[in-house]
Amino acid sequence: MTKIVIAAGFAASLLVSAVQPSATLFENDEIKVVRALERPHVKGSFHEHKVNRVMVYLEGGKQRFEYKDGRKTTDFDWKAGQVEWSEPDGIHSPEVVTDEPFNIVEMELKKPGGAAITKDALTVDPRHCTLEFEKPQVRVLRVKLGAHEATPVIERTHGTVVVFLSDGDSHKTGDAIWETPGSGKIENTGSTPLELVLVELKN
């Protein structure tokens, strides 16, 4: 049995760290996780995404998408901590139209998925765990723990990406780690609140 022990010891507020440069956080045969830096008033080159993605917005900001096929431009107003499902949507060019940069943790899904989540964290611990959304490839949960709180034992039957939405002494806002299948509890050993997004793959 494993236990995810996470200390949140420094920053009490959510999403307080400065934006970071773009980087690949990790990649395996199931998923690629990158941190994207979106700079203000810089029009991106036209490109397209070939696979479904899960997007976690670490800071808020407004973004405008222009589409190469002539569709009307679309404006988005992202909120700090927002989690979104993103399907391939053609060739597009994004531009941040507000004055501050922001980071996105983007998770590119490599496998079709479809397997069920057999041990339901929402049933085991509905006080700390809430459902963001569920798709054939993933289930996405938000976990909020107060100081020195812990979940009951939860069984992870699939690989899971853990994205941190608060700072601590062993992690920073926007960090992402890979958890292999196993069982255990998530424990916040720190003195400040902890918020996480769990992206459970259904491979």
Protein backbone atom coordinates (compact mmCIF):
# COMPACT_ATOMS: atom_id res chain seq x y z
CA MET A 1 0.00 0.00 0.00
CA THR A 2 1.29 3.43 -0.89
CA LYS A 3 0.46 6.79 0.61
CA ILE A 4 0.85 10.07 -1.21
CA VAL A 5 2.11 12.42 1.50
CA ILE A 6 2.17 16.04 0.40
CA ALA A 7 3.31 18.93 2.55
CA ALA A 8 1.77 22.34 1.92
CA GLY A 9 3.86 24.54 4.10
CA PHE A 10 4.59 27.89 2.49
CA ALA A 11 1.81 29.60 0.57
CA ALA A 12 -1.70 29.66 1.97
CA SER A 13 -3.34 31.15 -1.11
CA LEU A 14 -4.22 29.38 -4.34
CA LEU A 15 -2.24 29.98 -7.52
CA VAL A 16 0.27 32.52 -6.24
CA SER A 17 3.48 31.54 -8.03
CA ALA A 18 4.90 33.47 -10.98
CA VAL A 19 4.47 32.13 -14.49
CA GLN A 20 7.13 29.72 -15.72
CA PRO A 21 8.66 29.13 -19.18
CA SER A 22 7.24 26.49 -21.49
CA ALA A 23 8.58 23.01 -20.82
CA THR A 24 7.78 19.32 -21.16
CA LEU A 25 7.08 18.15 -17.59
CA PHE A 26 7.08 14.44 -18.42
CA GLU A 27 6.05 11.94 -21.08
CA ASN A 28 5.34 8.21 -21.18
CA ASP A 29 3.50 5.83 -23.49
CA GLU A 30 0.11 7.00 -22.16
CA ILE A 31 0.37 10.77 -21.90
CA LYS A 32 2.51 13.82 -22.57
CA VAL A 33 2.35 16.67 -20.04
CA VAL A 34 3.64 20.10 -20.97
CA ARG A 35 3.57 23.53 -19.40
CA ALA A 36 2.74 26.21 -21.96
CA LEU A 37 3.53 29.88 -21.41
CA GLU A 38 1.00 32.13 -23.12
CA ARG A 39 2.43 35.64 -23.64
CA PRO A 40 0.20 38.72 -24.00
CA HIS A 41 -0.45 40.30 -27.39
CA VAL A 42 1.64 37.74 -29.30
CA LYS A 43 -0.26 36.15 -32.16
CA GLY A 44 0.54 32.45 -32.35
CA SER A 45 1.33 30.69 -35.59
CA PHE A 46 -1.42 28.62 -37.15
CA HIS A 47 -1.31 25.01 -35.91
CA GLU A 48 -3.58 22.14 -34.96
CA HIS A 49 -3.75 19.48 -32.27
CA LYS A 50 -4.25 15.87 -33.33
CA VAL A 51 -5.33 14.34 -30.00
CA ASN A 52 -7.69 15.05 -27.12
CA ARG A 53 -6.20 17.03 -24.24
CA VAL A 54 -6.94 18.03 -20.65
CA MET A 55 -6.10 21.68 -19.92
CA VAL A 56 -5.43 23.18 -16.47
CA TYR A 57 -5.21 26.99 -16.42
CA LEU A 58 -2.87 28.12 -13.65
CA GLU A 59 -3.69 31.82 -13.99
CA GLY A 60 -6.60 33.66 -15.53
CA GLY A 61 -6.59 35.52 -18.83
CA LYS A 62 -8.48 36.19 -22.03
CA GLN A 63 -7.56 34.50 -25.28
CA ARG A 64 -8.82 34.91 -28.85
CA PHE A 65 -8.74 32.06 -31.37
CA GLU A 66 -8.67 32.70 -35.11
CA TYR A 67 -9.47 29.74 -37.38
CA LYS A 68 -7.90 29.08 -40.76
CA ASP A 69 -11.12 27.63 -42.21
CA GLY A 70 -12.82 31.02 -41.97
CA ARG A 71 -14.90 30.40 -38.87
CA LYS A 72 -15.70 33.41 -36.71
CA THR A 73 -13.05 34.17 -34.08
CA THR A 74 -13.82 32.87 -30.58
CA ASP A 75 -12.98 34.64 -27.31
CA PHE A 76 -12.28 32.71 -24.11
CA ASP A 77 -12.08 34.09 -20.57
CA TRP A 78 -10.07 31.52 -18.59
CA LYS A 79 -10.16 31.51 -14.79
CA ALA A 80 -7.31 30.54 -12.47
CA GLY A 81 -7.65 26.85 -11.62
CA GLN A 82 -10.08 26.15 -14.47
CA VAL A 83 -9.93 22.63 -15.97
CA GLU A 84 -11.14 22.01 -19.53
CA TRP A 85 -11.52 19.17 -22.02
CA SER A 86 -10.09 20.06 -25.44
CA GLU A 87 -10.79 18.05 -28.59
CA PRO A 88 -9.05 18.64 -31.94
CA ASP A 89 -10.75 21.63 -33.54
CA GLY A 90 -8.89 22.40 -36.74
CA ILE A 91 -6.09 24.78 -37.60
CA HIS A 92 -6.10 27.86 -35.37
CA SER A 93 -4.01 30.77 -34.12
CA PRO A 94 -4.34 31.86 -30.45
CA GLU A 95 -3.59 35.28 -28.99
CA VAL A 96 -3.72 36.46 -25.37
CA VAL A 97 -5.65 39.74 -25.43
CA THR A 98 -5.13 40.67 -21.76
CA ASP A 99 -1.92 42.22 -20.46
CA GLU A 100 -0.53 39.44 -18.25
CA PRO A 101 1.02 36.11 -19.27
CA PHE A 102 -0.36 32.83 -17.96
CA ASN A 103 0.56 29.16 -17.84
CA ILE A 104 -1.44 26.17 -18.96
CA VAL A 105 -0.65 22.57 -18.02
CA GLU A 106 -1.64 20.62 -21.13
CA MET A 107 -2.04 16.82 -21.10
CA GLU A 108 -2.01 15.10 -24.50
CA LEU A 109 -3.78 11.72 -24.35
CA LYS A 110 -2.13 8.98 -26.41
CA LYS A 111 -4.52 6.04 -25.96
CA PRO A 112 -8.23 5.60 -26.69
CA GLY A 113 -9.22 4.64 -23.14
CA GLY A 114 -12.63 3.26 -22.26
CA ALA A 115 -11.89 1.17 -19.16
CA ALA A 116 -14.02 1.86 -16.11
CA ILE A 117 -12.76 3.45 -12.90
CA THR A 118 -13.48 0.61 -10.46
CA LYS A 119 -12.80 2.25 -7.08
CA ASP A 120 -14.70 5.51 -6.95
CA ALA A 121 -12.87 8.25 -5.01
CA LEU A 122 -16.06 10.30 -5.18
CA THR A 123 -17.87 7.61 -3.19
CA VAL A 124 -14.99 7.00 -0.78
CA ASP A 125 -14.36 10.68 -0.05
CA PRO A 126 -17.01 13.07 -1.44
CA ARG A 127 -16.03 15.70 1.16
CA HIS A 128 -12.60 16.24 -0.39
CA CYS A 129 -13.08 15.02 -3.99
CA THR A 130 -15.34 16.51 -6.65
CA LEU A 131 -15.83 15.56 -10.29
CA GLU A 132 -14.72 18.10 -12.90
CA PHE A 133 -15.70 15.95 -15.88
CA GLU A 134 -15.50 12.42 -17.27
CA LYS A 135 -14.74 11.31 -20.84
CA PRO A 136 -14.01 7.93 -22.44
CA GLN A 137 -10.26 8.52 -21.98
CA VAL A 138 -10.11 10.25 -18.59
CA ARG A 139 -11.87 11.12 -15.38
CA VAL A 140 -10.81 14.45 -13.84
CA LEU A 141 -11.22 15.14 -10.12
CA ARG A 142 -10.47 18.15 -7.95
CA VAL A 143 -9.16 17.43 -4.45
CA LYS A 144 -9.15 20.02 -1.65
CA LEU A 145 -7.54 19.21 1.69
CA GLY A 146 -7.23 21.47 4.68
CA ALA A 147 -4.13 21.60 6.84
CA HIS A 148 -3.23 18.14 8.18
CA GLU A 149 -6.21 16.51 6.46
CA ALA A 150 -6.11 13.24 4.53
CA THR A 151 -8.39 11.19 2.30
CA PRO A 152 -9.35 7.63 3.19
CA VAL A 153 -7.50 4.88 1.32
CA ILE A 154 -8.28 5.13 -2.40
CA GLU A 155 -7.33 2.52 -4.97
CA ARG A 156 -5.79 3.84 -8.18
CA THR A 157 -6.53 1.27 -10.87
CA HIS A 158 -5.06 3.45 -13.63
CA GLY A 159 -2.16 5.82 -14.13
CA THR A 160 -2.92 9.30 -12.80
CA VAL A 161 -1.47 12.75 -13.41
CA VAL A 162 -1.45 14.93 -10.29
CA VAL A 163 -1.37 18.70 -11.00
CA PHE A 164 -0.71 21.02 -8.04
CA LEU A 165 -2.81 24.17 -7.73
CA SER A 166 -1.09 25.41 -4.56
CA ASP A 167 2.48 25.80 -3.35
CA GLY A 168 4.17 23.69 -0.71
CA ASP A 169 7.62 22.81 0.57
CA SER A 170 8.06 19.96 -1.93
CA HIS A 171 6.14 21.27 -4.93
CA LYS A 172 5.05 24.47 -6.66
CA THR A 173 1.83 25.55 -8.32
CA GLY A 174 1.78 24.01 -11.78
CA ASP A 175 4.00 21.04 -10.94
CA ALA A 176 2.75 17.73 -12.32
CA ILE A 177 3.71 14.20 -11.29
CA TRP A 178 2.85 10.71 -12.56
CA GLU A 179 1.32 8.18 -10.16
CA THR A 180 1.23 4.51 -11.17
CA PRO A 181 -1.68 2.25 -10.13
CA GLY A 182 -1.76 1.39 -6.44
CA SER A 183 -3.67 2.13 -3.26
CA GLY A 184 -3.22 4.69 -0.56
CA LYS A 185 -4.42 8.01 0.77
CA ILE A 186 -3.55 11.58 -0.07
CA GLU A 187 -2.33 13.36 3.03
CA ASN A 188 -1.57 17.04 3.45
CA THR A 189 1.09 17.18 6.16
CA GLY A 190 1.43 20.96 5.91
CA SER A 191 -0.22 23.81 7.79
CA THR A 192 -1.93 25.44 4.79
CA PRO A 193 -4.68 24.21 2.41
CA LEU A 194 -3.82 21.98 -0.54
CA GLU A 195 -5.61 21.81 -3.90
CA LEU A 196 -4.92 19.23 -6.60
CA VAL A 197 -6.33 18.13 -9.93
CA LEU A 198 -6.23 14.36 -10.55
CA VAL A 199 -6.41 13.22 -14.18
CA GLU A 200 -7.17 9.50 -14.08
CA LEU A 201 -6.46 7.75 -17.37
CA LYS A 202 -8.78 4.97 -18.50
CA ASN A 203 -6.23 2.91 -20.43
